[in-house]
C-alpha atoms as a PDB file:
ATOM      1  CA  MET A   1     -14.240   7.611  -2.811  1.00  0.00           C
ATOM      2  CA  PRO A   2     -10.463   7.972  -3.126  1.00  0.00           C
ATOM      3  CA  VAL A   3      -8.755   6.535  -6.188  1.00  0.00           C
ATOM      4  CA  GLY A   4      -5.635   4.547  -5.483  1.00  0.00           C
ATOM      5  CA  HIS A   5      -4.274   1.346  -4.011  1.00  0.00           C
ATOM      6  CA  ARG A   6      -4.915  -0.439  -0.778  1.00  0.00           C
ATOM      7  CA  PHE A   7      -1.475  -1.571   0.248  1.00  0.00           C
ATOM      8  CA  LEU A   8      -1.383  -4.291   2.900  1.00  0.00           C
ATOM      9  CA  LEU A   9       2.148  -4.806   4.070  1.00  0.00           C
ATOM     10  CA  LEU A  10       2.649  -5.055   7.820  1.00  0.00           C
ATOM     11  CA  GLY A  11      -0.417  -2.855   8.133  1.00  0.00           C
ATOM     12  CA  LYS A  12      -2.836  -0.912   5.937  1.00  0.00           C
ATOM     13  CA  LEU A  13      -1.720   1.946   3.735  1.00  0.00           C
ATOM     14  CA  PHE A  14      -3.710   3.789   1.124  1.00  0.00           C
ATOM     15  CA  ILE A  15      -1.688   5.312  -1.695  1.00  0.00           C
ATOM     16  CA  CYS A  16      -3.223   7.345  -4.504  1.00  0.00           C
ATOM     17  CA  ASN A  17      -2.484   6.207  -8.048  1.00  0.00           C
ATOM     18  CA  GLU A  18      -0.105   9.088  -8.783  1.00  0.00           C
ATOM     19  CA  CYS A  19       2.066   8.459  -5.709  1.00  0.00           C
ATOM     20  CA  PHE A  20       1.838   4.688  -6.129  1.00  0.00           C
ATOM     21  CA  ASN A  21       3.228   4.963  -9.654  1.00  0.00           C
ATOM     22  CA  SER A  22       5.763   7.745  -9.093  1.00  0.00           C
ATOM     23  CA  LEU A  23       7.274   6.078  -6.017  1.00  0.00           C
ATOM     24  CA  GLY A  24       7.510   2.635  -7.599  1.00  0.00           C
ATOM     25  CA  TYR A  25       5.186   0.761  -5.267  1.00  0.00           C
ATOM     26  CA  GLU A  26       4.250  -1.695  -8.015  1.00  0.00           C
ATOM     27  CA  ARG A  27       7.498  -3.567  -7.312  1.00  0.00           C
ATOM     28  CA  PHE A  28       6.347  -4.214  -3.736  1.00  0.00           C
ATOM     29  CA  MET A  29       2.869  -5.511  -4.550  1.00  0.00           C
ATOM     30  CA  SER A  30       3.934  -9.165  -4.758  1.00  0.00           C
ATOM     31  CA  LEU A  31       4.999  -8.955  -1.097  1.00  0.00           C
ATOM     32  CA  THR A  32       1.428  -8.277   0.001  1.00  0.00           C
ATOM     33  CA  ALA A  33       0.394 -11.831  -0.921  1.00  0.00           C
ATOM     34  CA  LEU A  34       2.810 -13.292   1.619  1.00  0.00           C
ATOM     35  CA  PRO A  35       1.468 -14.425   4.996  1.00  0.00           C
ATOM     36  CA  LEU A  36       2.230 -11.946   7.775  1.00  0.00           C
ATOM     37  CA  GLU A  37       4.822 -14.292   9.315  1.00  0.00           C
ATOM     38  CA  GLU A  38       6.772 -14.299   6.050  1.00  0.00           C
ATOM     39  CA  GLN A  39       6.475 -10.537   5.699  1.00  0.00           C
ATOM     40  CA  TRP A  40       8.143 -10.140   9.102  1.00  0.00           C
ATOM     41  CA  ALA A  41      11.035 -12.334   7.917  1.00  0.00           C
ATOM     42  CA  LEU A  42      11.844 -10.081   4.929  1.00  0.00           C
ATOM     43  CA  ASP A  43      14.847  -7.797   4.706  1.00  0.00           C
ATOM     44  CA  LEU A  44      14.472  -4.753   6.974  1.00  0.00           C
ATOM     45  CA  ASP A  45      16.133  -2.515   4.370  1.00  0.00           C
ATOM     46  CA  LEU A  46      13.221  -3.241   2.050  1.00  0.00           C
ATOM     47  CA  PHE A  47      10.741  -2.013   4.652  1.00  0.00           C
ATOM     48  CA  ALA A  48      12.886   1.031   5.329  1.00  0.00           C
ATOM     49  CA  GLU A  49      12.647   1.861   1.612  1.00  0.00           C
ATOM     50  CA  ILE A  50       8.865   1.383   1.607  1.00  0.00           C
ATOM     51  CA  GLU A  51       8.514   3.609   4.683  1.00  0.00           C
ATOM     52  CA  ALA A  52      10.864   6.268   3.319  1.00  0.00           C
ATOM     53  CA  ASN A  53       8.877   6.427   0.081  1.00  0.00           C
ATOM     54  CA  TYR A  54       5.602   6.643   2.005  1.00  0.00           C
ATOM     55  CA  ASN A  55       6.976   9.494   4.111  1.00  0.00           C
ATOM     56  CA  ARG A  56       7.852  11.370   0.901  1.00  0.00           C
ATOM     57  CA  ILE A  57       4.186  11.618  -0.075  1.00  0.00           C
ATOM     58  CA  GLU A  58       3.314  15.254   0.381  1.00  0.00           C
ATOM     59  CA  GLY A  59       0.090  15.966   2.234  1.00  0.00           C
ATOM     60  CA  ARG A  60      -0.673  12.294   2.859  1.00  0.00           C
ATOM     61  CA  ARG A  61      -3.540  11.654   5.192  1.00  0.00           C
ATOM     62  CA  PRO A  62      -5.300   8.600   6.489  1.00  0.00           C
ATOM     63  CA  TYR A  63      -8.525   7.411   4.949  1.00  0.00           C
ATOM     64  CA  CYS A  64     -11.242   5.826   7.012  1.00  0.00           C
ATOM     65  CA  VAL A  65     -11.546   2.054   7.063  1.00  0.00           C
ATOM     66  CA  SER A  66     -14.831   2.324   5.177  1.00  0.00           C
ATOM     67  CA  CYS A  67     -13.124   4.131   2.268  1.00  0.00           C
ATOM     68  CA  ILE A  68     -10.381   1.534   2.159  1.00  0.00           C
ATOM     69  CA  ASP A  69     -12.924  -1.319   2.246  1.00  0.00           C
ATOM     70  CA  ASP A  70     -14.948   0.347  -0.535  1.00  0.00           C
ATOM     71  CA  LEU A  71     -11.794   0.673  -2.604  1.00  0.00           C
ATOM     72  CA  ALA A  72     -10.924  -2.995  -2.020  1.00  0.00           C
ATOM     73  CA  ARG A  73     -14.384  -4.078  -3.172  1.00  0.00           C
ATOM     74  CA  GLN A  74     -14.084  -1.874  -6.261  1.00  0.00           C
ATOM     75  CA  GLN A  75     -10.643  -3.251  -7.145  1.00  0.00           C
ATOM     76  CA  SER A  76     -11.676  -6.877  -6.609  1.00  0.00           C
ATOM     77  CA  SER A  77     -14.692  -6.429  -8.865  1.00  0.00           C
ATOM     78  CA  ASN A  78     -12.385  -5.042 -11.601  1.00  0.00           C
ATOM     79  CA  THR A  79     -10.130  -8.122 -11.625  1.00  0.00           C
END
């Protein structure tokens, strides 16, 4: 199972721990708790920054939904 973060912000992203930390995604985590309608109302420059950082991840690849769900269960049991 991959080790990282399930990042739900206008869609599902999976970001490994190293990229999550090096690209500063921690500062965006509070946005994931917002309802989708409120996420859409946020500043577009913020989403451009999130997307630009995601595109900088070398060799990124999608993970199957099952892996992401397994990761979510693991993280929720650790909190």
